[in-house]
């Protein structure tokens, strides 16, 4: 039987054995699906024309393997402990201080959830205009309300059933077919333009390999505050690690590489327009757009889990409904594209945050026991985290060639591991 009841704080209580149903393929299908998105392809296109083709692909493969590996590592910790991300933060940073990163995470998730709705709205309007008849100013409003309503509908159901029945059995096969079709179309276009010349193409400069690696790692790292919310429903930590790692790495590499391929073959077009120009692109883009819903759902669900950890009087489902409505309303009024730099800056907080969590909880530490013994605030982890945030923003000014994410992550991990209590 489950160890939780209606009055328990679900985010700070380990998931019971009866709710641990995810196997390797569930983790892999979930994180492949979450790794696919128009936003990922757009970021991949940003690597062009600064980098050469071979440099860009090197950064994509290395960054995806490293970033998804970190995602899988946190997934294993979440699965082994049965704790949500909020529970891991409480265990490492202390019960009172953990409220700060949890609040920052909620703000981040509302921001990214809103941004996902904007991406889906813009793509829907572009598809509608391609088909003809979506020229009025009211269509963006209607599209935003439509996608917000879909997220609201999904959040009212079971997350576990959504992953196992809808994503794994329906959405995943369709989105794989869409990616295969688009890859085939743009590889054919590259062949017509001279595949060898595109492969040998050199970059124009302005971005080194390490900053490009940062850009690729940014996507999997942005999911670090969410992964334990899902992985805690897994049966085995090793399966959670391998499934999340393999699923997300493959999706990240594919979508980044497709974004690069589109930028190489149609450099003057925005990504959505370029995809629509491909033969069958309207159908393929529509299927990818439908798959994009799980990204908005993922942000909303984890935001609800984190909110519930602070105010457990409301259930996760009720919090999810509130956040879905908030994201929809913000998508109607905020200039989200101009807020993307703020969201990226806010997400940089979580690189050292989870570097410390990994340093303290990796290699067999008992997160549940640490949570039970947690004090109000743990000075050591807090100091390392704050120093990591400062380092992340200092490095681009003093050593831009190094990038920010990897050095910050390595240092925060090493310091947290070296100063861990020996009983942990």
Protein backbone atom coordinates (compact mmCIF):
# COMPACT_ATOMS: atom_id res chain seq x y z
CA UNK A 1 0.00 0.00 0.00
CA UNK A 2 1.06 3.61 -0.50
CA UNK A 3 2.76 5.39 2.34
CA UNK A 4 0.86 8.58 1.50
CA UNK A 5 -2.62 9.75 2.34
CA UNK A 6 -4.83 12.66 1.43
CA UNK A 7 -3.36 14.97 4.07
CA UNK A 8 0.30 14.12 3.39
CA UNK A 9 2.70 16.45 1.63
CA UNK A 10 3.14 14.35 -1.50
CA UNK A 11 6.27 16.19 -2.62
CA UNK A 12 8.07 15.48 0.66
CA UNK A 13 6.83 11.91 1.13
CA UNK A 14 8.45 8.99 -0.73
CA UNK A 15 6.23 7.39 -3.35
CA UNK A 16 4.79 4.08 -2.18
CA UNK A 17 5.50 0.72 -3.83
CA UNK A 18 2.03 0.57 -5.41
CA UNK A 19 2.73 3.78 -7.35
CA UNK A 20 6.15 2.72 -8.63
CA UNK A 21 5.17 1.49 -12.08
CA UNK A 22 7.58 3.12 -14.55
CA UNK A 23 9.98 0.74 -16.26
CA UNK A 24 12.93 1.50 -18.54
CA UNK A 25 10.80 2.06 -21.63
CA UNK A 26 8.44 4.39 -19.73
CA UNK A 27 11.34 6.63 -18.69
CA UNK A 28 12.82 6.49 -22.19
CA UNK A 29 9.57 7.32 -24.01
CA UNK A 30 8.75 10.15 -21.59
CA UNK A 31 12.13 11.83 -21.92
CA UNK A 32 12.39 11.30 -25.66
CA UNK A 33 9.00 12.96 -26.01
CA UNK A 34 9.95 15.82 -23.68
CA UNK A 35 13.25 16.23 -25.54
CA UNK A 36 11.49 16.80 -28.88
CA UNK A 37 10.28 20.33 -29.47
CA UNK A 38 10.22 23.27 -31.83
CA UNK A 39 12.13 25.32 -29.26
CA UNK A 40 14.99 22.77 -29.30
CA UNK A 41 15.18 22.94 -33.09
CA UNK A 42 15.20 26.74 -32.96
CA UNK A 43 18.11 26.73 -30.51
CA UNK A 44 19.93 24.25 -32.77
CA UNK A 45 19.56 26.71 -35.64
CA UNK A 46 21.33 29.34 -33.48
CA UNK A 47 24.58 27.40 -33.89
CA UNK A 48 24.62 28.48 -37.52
CA UNK A 49 26.47 30.21 -39.14
CA UNK A 50 28.91 30.86 -36.28
CA UNK A 51 30.13 27.25 -36.16
CA UNK A 52 31.23 24.95 -38.94
CA UNK A 53 29.00 21.95 -39.61
CA UNK A 54 31.38 19.44 -38.05
CA UNK A 55 32.01 21.65 -35.00
CA UNK A 56 28.26 22.07 -34.49
CA UNK A 57 27.63 18.32 -34.65
CA UNK A 58 30.51 17.65 -32.23
CA UNK A 59 28.98 20.12 -29.75
CA UNK A 60 25.54 18.57 -30.25
CA UNK A 61 26.66 14.97 -29.63
CA UNK A 62 28.96 15.78 -26.69
CA UNK A 63 26.54 18.23 -25.08
CA UNK A 64 23.58 15.87 -25.44
CA UNK A 65 25.44 12.93 -23.90
CA UNK A 66 26.74 15.02 -20.99
CA UNK A 67 23.52 16.93 -20.35
CA UNK A 68 21.25 13.89 -20.61
CA UNK A 69 23.68 11.96 -18.40
CA UNK A 70 23.17 14.54 -15.66
CA UNK A 71 19.42 14.27 -16.19
CA UNK A 72 19.63 10.49 -15.81
CA UNK A 73 21.76 10.79 -12.68
CA UNK A 74 19.18 13.00 -10.96
CA UNK A 75 16.47 10.62 -12.17
CA UNK A 76 18.25 7.75 -10.40
CA UNK A 77 18.45 9.72 -7.16
CA UNK A 78 14.76 10.60 -7.41
CA UNK A 79 13.82 6.99 -8.12
CA UNK A 80 16.03 5.51 -5.38
CA UNK A 81 14.66 7.94 -2.78
CA UNK A 82 11.08 8.16 -4.05
CA UNK A 83 11.27 11.93 -3.48
CA UNK A 84 10.22 14.78 -5.75
CA UNK A 85 12.66 17.55 -6.62
CA UNK A 86 11.34 19.64 -3.72
CA UNK A 87 12.16 16.79 -1.35
CA UNK A 88 15.74 16.60 -2.65
CA UNK A 89 16.13 20.37 -2.13
CA UNK A 90 14.82 20.06 1.43
CA UNK A 91 17.24 17.22 2.17
CA UNK A 92 20.31 19.10 0.91
CA UNK A 93 19.60 22.77 1.72
CA UNK A 94 17.39 22.53 4.82
CA UNK A 95 13.65 22.74 5.26
CA UNK A 96 13.36 26.51 5.56
CA UNK A 97 16.00 27.64 3.07
CA UNK A 98 14.81 25.16 0.43
CA UNK A 99 11.73 27.32 0.00
CA UNK A 100 13.84 29.87 -1.92
CA UNK A 101 14.99 27.57 -4.75
CA UNK A 102 11.55 25.96 -4.82
CA UNK A 103 9.92 29.37 -5.35
CA UNK A 104 12.50 30.19 -8.05
CA UNK A 105 11.70 26.87 -9.68
CA UNK A 106 7.97 27.64 -9.67
CA UNK A 107 8.64 31.03 -11.29
CA UNK A 108 10.85 29.36 -13.87
CA UNK A 109 8.24 26.71 -14.64
CA UNK A 110 5.47 29.26 -15.02
CA UNK A 111 7.73 31.18 -17.39
CA UNK A 112 8.66 28.16 -19.50
CA UNK A 113 5.09 26.87 -19.46
CA UNK A 114 3.93 30.23 -20.77
CA UNK A 115 6.68 30.25 -23.37
CA UNK A 116 5.65 26.80 -24.59
CA UNK A 117 2.09 28.05 -25.09
CA UNK A 118 3.45 30.98 -27.10
CA UNK A 119 5.53 28.62 -29.27
CA UNK A 120 2.49 26.40 -29.88
CA UNK A 121 0.29 29.41 -30.59
CA UNK A 122 2.71 30.87 -33.15
CA UNK A 123 3.15 27.50 -34.87
CA UNK A 124 -0.63 26.96 -34.95
CA UNK A 125 -1.20 30.36 -36.55
CA UNK A 126 1.56 29.67 -39.10
CA UNK A 127 -0.05 26.33 -39.97
CA UNK A 128 -3.48 27.98 -40.21
CA UNK A 129 -2.18 30.68 -42.53
CA UNK A 130 -0.47 28.08 -44.68
CA UNK A 131 -3.83 26.35 -45.06
CA UNK A 132 -5.53 29.70 -45.67
CA UNK A 133 -8.07 31.70 -43.68
CA UNK A 134 -6.19 32.44 -40.42
CA UNK A 135 -5.45 36.09 -41.10
CA UNK A 136 -7.50 37.79 -38.38
CA UNK A 137 -6.03 39.18 -35.15
CA UNK A 138 -8.32 36.95 -33.10
CA UNK A 139 -6.65 33.70 -34.19
CA UNK A 140 -3.60 34.01 -31.88
CA UNK A 141 -5.96 34.55 -28.93
CA UNK A 142 -8.08 31.56 -29.86
CA UNK A 143 -5.01 29.37 -30.41
CA UNK A 144 -3.61 30.35 -27.00
CA UNK A 145 -6.91 29.53 -25.29
CA UNK A 146 -7.12 26.24 -27.17
CA UNK A 147 -3.69 24.99 -26.13
CA UNK A 148 -4.13 26.29 -22.59
CA UNK A 149 -7.39 24.35 -22.41
CA UNK A 150 -5.65 21.19 -23.60
CA UNK A 151 -3.02 21.51 -20.86
CA UNK A 152 -5.77 22.16 -18.30
CA UNK A 153 -7.59 19.03 -19.45
CA UNK A 154 -4.47 16.87 -19.25
CA UNK A 155 -3.46 18.17 -15.81
CA UNK A 156 -6.83 17.09 -14.45
CA UNK A 157 -5.98 13.45 -15.17
CA UNK A 158 -3.32 11.00 -13.97
CA UNK A 159 0.29 11.80 -14.83
CA UNK A 160 1.22 8.11 -14.72
CA UNK A 161 -1.55 7.12 -17.12
CA UNK A 162 -0.66 10.01 -19.44
CA UNK A 163 2.94 8.77 -19.70
CA UNK A 164 2.11 5.08 -20.10
CA UNK A 165 -0.95 5.24 -22.36
CA UNK A 166 -0.84 8.46 -24.38
CA UNK A 167 2.84 9.39 -24.69
CA UNK A 168 4.35 5.92 -25.00
CA UNK A 169 1.65 4.36 -27.20
CA UNK A 170 0.34 7.24 -29.32
CA UNK A 171 2.43 10.43 -29.27
CA UNK A 172 5.87 8.82 -29.44
CA UNK A 173 5.36 6.76 -32.65
CA UNK A 174 3.77 9.75 -34.42
CA UNK A 175 6.53 12.19 -33.50
CA UNK A 176 9.25 9.71 -34.51
CA UNK A 177 7.63 9.33 -37.92
CA UNK A 178 7.45 13.13 -38.23
CA UNK A 179 11.14 13.56 -37.38
CA UNK A 180 12.09 10.80 -39.82
CA UNK A 181 10.07 12.43 -42.59
CA UNK A 182 11.47 15.94 -41.98
CA UNK A 183 15.04 14.58 -41.72
CA UNK A 184 14.59 12.76 -45.04
CA UNK A 185 13.22 15.88 -46.72
CA UNK A 186 15.98 18.21 -45.55
CA UNK A 187 18.72 15.66 -46.19
CA UNK A 188 17.37 15.47 -49.75
CA UNK A 189 17.54 19.27 -49.98
CA UNK A 190 21.10 19.17 -48.63
CA UNK A 191 21.97 16.55 -51.27
CA UNK A 192 20.68 18.85 -53.99
CA UNK A 193 22.77 21.74 -52.67
CA UNK A 194 25.90 19.62 -52.33
CA UNK A 195 26.10 17.48 -49.22
CA UNK A 196 29.90 17.38 -49.19
CA UNK A 197 30.18 21.18 -49.38
CA UNK A 198 27.72 21.59 -46.50
CA UNK A 199 29.60 18.99 -44.45
CA UNK A 200 32.94 20.77 -45.02
CA UNK A 201 31.45 24.21 -44.39
CA UNK A 202 33.45 26.34 -41.93
CA UNK A 203 31.95 28.69 -39.37
CA UNK A 204 31.88 32.47 -39.59
CA UNK A 205 33.17 32.82 -36.02
CA UNK A 206 31.62 34.49 -33.01
CA UNK A 207 31.04 31.29 -31.04
CA UNK A 208 33.53 28.73 -29.79
CA UNK A 209 32.91 25.04 -29.23
CA UNK A 210 32.64 25.41 -25.43
CA UNK A 211 29.97 28.16 -25.54
CA UNK A 212 28.17 26.02 -28.14
CA UNK A 213 28.39 23.11 -25.73
CA UNK A 214 26.76 25.35 -23.12
CA UNK A 215 23.93 26.06 -25.56
CA UNK A 216 23.34 22.36 -26.19
CA UNK A 217 23.57 21.40 -22.51
CA UNK A 218 21.11 24.19 -21.64
CA UNK A 219 18.11 22.12 -22.73
CA UNK A 220 18.68 18.96 -20.62
CA UNK A 221 19.86 21.07 -17.68
CA UNK A 222 16.62 23.08 -17.83
CA UNK A 223 14.80 19.82 -16.97
CA UNK A 224 16.94 19.00 -13.91
CA UNK A 225 14.47 20.58 -11.45
CA UNK A 226 11.68 18.40 -12.92
CA UNK A 227 13.11 14.94 -13.54
CA UNK A 228 12.72 13.55 -10.00
CA UNK A 229 9.01 14.43 -10.02
CA UNK A 230 8.55 11.70 -12.63
CA UNK A 231 11.43 9.32 -11.88
CA UNK A 232 10.19 8.73 -8.31
CA UNK A 233 7.43 6.61 -9.88
CA UNK A 234 10.05 4.20 -11.28
CA UNK A 235 10.71 0.68 -10.05
CA UNK A 236 14.50 0.68 -10.30
CA UNK A 237 17.03 3.51 -10.13
CA UNK A 238 19.25 1.99 -12.81
CA UNK A 239 16.33 1.80 -15.25
CA UNK A 240 15.45 5.43 -14.52
CA UNK A 241 19.04 6.51 -15.21
CA UNK A 242 19.38 4.55 -18.46
CA UNK A 243 15.90 5.38 -19.75
CA UNK A 244 16.10 9.13 -19.09
CA UNK A 245 19.67 9.30 -20.41
CA UNK A 246 19.04 7.38 -23.62
CA UNK A 247 15.63 8.90 -24.38
CA UNK A 248 16.62 12.52 -23.87
CA UNK A 249 20.08 12.25 -25.46
CA UNK A 250 18.63 10.79 -28.66
CA UNK A 251 15.87 13.42 -28.88
CA UNK A 252 18.24 16.29 -28.10
CA UNK A 253 20.78 15.20 -30.72
CA UNK A 254 18.09 14.67 -33.35
CA UNK A 255 16.29 17.98 -32.83
CA UNK A 256 19.47 20.08 -32.54
CA UNK A 257 20.88 18.42 -35.67
CA UNK A 258 17.61 18.96 -37.55
CA UNK A 259 17.69 22.63 -36.56
CA UNK A 260 21.25 22.89 -37.92
CA UNK A 261 20.21 21.12 -41.13
CA UNK A 262 17.30 23.51 -41.66
CA UNK A 263 19.56 26.52 -41.03
CA UNK A 264 22.10 25.19 -43.54
CA UNK A 265 19.63 24.48 -46.33
CA UNK A 266 17.18 27.38 -45.85
CA UNK A 267 19.21 30.03 -43.98
CA UNK A 268 16.86 32.94 -44.76
CA UNK A 269 13.72 31.28 -43.39
CA UNK A 270 12.49 31.09 -39.81
CA UNK A 271 12.25 27.51 -38.56
CA UNK A 272 8.46 27.08 -38.67
CA UNK A 273 8.22 28.51 -42.19
CA UNK A 274 11.11 26.30 -43.32
CA UNK A 275 9.44 23.18 -41.94
CA UNK A 276 6.20 24.09 -43.69
CA UNK A 277 8.07 24.40 -47.00
CA UNK A 278 9.13 20.76 -46.85
CA UNK A 279 6.98 18.24 -48.71
CA UNK A 280 4.48 16.94 -46.17
CA UNK A 281 5.79 19.55 -43.74
CA UNK A 282 2.31 20.69 -42.75
CA UNK A 283 1.40 17.24 -41.40
CA UNK A 284 4.81 16.65 -39.81
CA UNK A 285 4.82 20.04 -38.11
CA UNK A 286 1.28 19.50 -36.86
CA UNK A 287 2.28 16.20 -35.23
CA UNK A 288 5.37 17.78 -33.61
CA UNK A 289 3.14 20.61 -32.41
CA UNK A 290 0.79 18.11 -30.75
CA UNK A 291 3.80 16.48 -29.08
CA UNK A 292 4.85 19.93 -27.83
CA UNK A 293 1.87 19.79 -25.46
CA UNK A 294 3.72 17.40 -23.15
CA UNK A 295 6.44 20.03 -22.63
CA UNK A 296 3.86 22.54 -21.41
CA UNK A 297 2.24 19.78 -19.35
CA UNK A 298 5.62 18.82 -17.85
CA UNK A 299 6.27 22.40 -16.73
CA UNK A 300 2.78 22.71 -15.27
CA UNK A 301 2.80 19.37 -13.46
CA UNK A 302 6.20 19.94 -11.84
CA UNK A 303 5.22 23.49 -10.94
CA UNK A 304 2.16 22.01 -9.23
CA UNK A 305 4.28 19.47 -7.30
CA UNK A 306 6.62 22.23 -6.13
CA UNK A 307 3.69 24.50 -5.16
CA UNK A 308 2.08 21.62 -3.26
CA UNK A 309 5.33 21.13 -1.33
CA UNK A 310 4.98 24.69 0.00
CA UNK A 311 1.20 24.69 0.55
CA UNK A 312 0.06 21.06 0.82
CA UNK A 313 -3.51 22.07 1.68
CA UNK A 314 -4.13 22.13 -2.08
CA UNK A 315 -3.62 18.90 -4.00
CA UNK A 316 -1.15 18.59 -6.87
CA UNK A 317 -4.08 18.39 -9.30
CA UNK A 318 -5.65 21.59 -7.96
CA UNK A 319 -2.34 23.43 -8.11
CA UNK A 320 -1.90 22.17 -11.66
CA UNK A 321 -5.24 23.63 -12.74
CA UNK A 322 -4.34 27.01 -11.22
CA UNK A 323 -0.92 27.09 -12.91
CA UNK A 324 -2.38 26.06 -16.27
CA UNK A 325 -4.77 29.01 -16.10
CA UNK A 326 -1.97 31.38 -15.01
CA UNK A 327 0.27 30.29 -17.91
CA UNK A 328 -2.57 30.74 -20.39
CA UNK A 329 -3.38 34.24 -19.15
CA UNK A 330 0.30 35.26 -19.21
CA UNK A 331 0.67 33.91 -22.75
CA UNK A 332 -2.12 36.27 -23.81
CA UNK A 333 -0.51 39.44 -22.42
CA UNK A 334 3.26 39.05 -22.05
CA UNK A 335 5.83 39.66 -24.83
CA UNK A 336 7.36 36.27 -24.13
CA UNK A 337 10.03 36.33 -26.83
CA UNK A 338 11.61 39.36 -25.17
CA UNK A 339 11.51 37.56 -21.81
CA UNK A 340 13.51 34.55 -23.03
CA UNK A 341 16.88 36.01 -21.82
CA UNK A 342 15.37 36.45 -18.34
CA UNK A 343 14.20 32.84 -18.32
CA UNK A 344 17.63 31.63 -19.43
CA UNK A 345 19.25 33.72 -16.68
CA UNK A 346 16.86 32.29 -14.10
CA UNK A 347 17.57 28.75 -15.26
CA UNK A 348 21.30 29.34 -14.71
CA UNK A 349 20.52 29.26 -10.99
CA UNK A 350 19.80 25.54 -11.25
CA UNK A 351 23.16 24.47 -12.68
CA UNK A 352 25.07 24.95 -9.39
CA UNK A 353 21.93 24.07 -7.40
CA UNK A 354 21.89 20.56 -8.82
CA UNK A 355 25.66 20.33 -8.88
CA UNK A 356 25.45 20.55 -5.09
CA UNK A 357 22.54 18.09 -4.92
CA UNK A 358 24.46 15.57 -7.00
CA UNK A 359 27.60 16.07 -4.90
CA UNK A 360 25.67 15.41 -1.69
CA UNK A 361 23.27 12.66 -2.81
CA UNK A 362 25.24 10.68 -5.37
CA UNK A 363 27.16 7.48 -4.62
CA UNK A 364 24.63 5.89 -2.30
CA UNK A 365 23.67 8.70 0.07
CA UNK A 366 20.30 8.14 1.76
CA UNK A 367 18.21 11.12 0.68
CA UNK A 368 15.23 9.98 2.74
CA UNK A 369 17.27 9.84 5.93
CA UNK A 370 18.82 13.23 5.14
CA UNK A 371 15.36 14.70 4.65
CA UNK A 372 14.16 13.28 7.98
CA UNK A 373 17.17 14.84 9.76
CA UNK A 374 17.21 18.11 7.81
CA UNK A 375 17.55 21.32 9.78
CA UNK A 376 16.22 24.75 8.88
CA UNK A 377 19.21 25.75 6.72
CA UNK A 378 22.47 24.00 5.81
CA UNK A 379 25.23 26.61 5.54
CA UNK A 380 27.74 24.57 3.51
CA UNK A 381 25.52 23.67 0.55
CA UNK A 382 23.98 27.16 0.55
CA UNK A 383 27.42 28.81 0.34
CA UNK A 384 28.55 26.52 -2.49
CA UNK A 385 25.36 27.16 -4.43
CA UNK A 386 25.63 30.95 -4.14
CA UNK A 387 29.29 30.83 -5.13
CA UNK A 388 28.33 28.69 -8.12
CA UNK A 389 25.72 31.22 -9.26
CA UNK A 390 28.34 33.99 -9.06
CA UNK A 391 30.86 31.88 -10.99
CA UNK A 392 28.30 31.07 -13.70
CA UNK A 393 27.79 34.77 -14.44
CA UNK A 394 31.46 35.72 -13.97
CA UNK A 395 32.96 33.21 -16.41
CA UNK A 396 31.58 34.79 -19.63
CA UNK A 397 33.32 38.03 -18.65
CA UNK A 398 36.72 36.66 -17.60
CA UNK A 399 37.02 33.40 -19.58
CA UNK A 400 34.35 33.28 -22.31
CA UNK A 401 36.08 30.44 -24.16
CA UNK A 402 35.40 28.06 -21.25
CA UNK A 403 31.63 28.41 -21.27
CA UNK A 404 29.67 28.62 -18.02
CA UNK A 405 27.68 25.46 -17.39
CA UNK A 406 30.35 22.75 -17.24
CA UNK A 407 32.94 24.58 -15.09
CA UNK A 408 30.23 25.70 -12.65
CA UNK A 409 28.72 22.24 -12.46
CA UNK A 410 32.07 20.52 -11.92
CA UNK A 411 33.18 22.94 -9.22
CA UNK A 412 29.89 22.92 -7.29
CA UNK A 413 29.76 19.11 -7.48
CA UNK A 414 33.37 18.71 -6.31
CA UNK A 415 32.98 21.12 -3.39
CA UNK A 416 29.69 19.57 -2.29
CA UNK A 417 31.14 16.04 -2.46
CA UNK A 418 34.33 17.01 -0.64
CA UNK A 419 32.44 18.72 2.21
CA UNK A 420 29.65 16.13 2.56
CA UNK A 421 28.97 14.73 6.05
CA UNK A 422 30.77 11.41 6.28
CA UNK A 423 27.66 9.72 7.67
CA UNK A 424 25.82 10.57 4.40
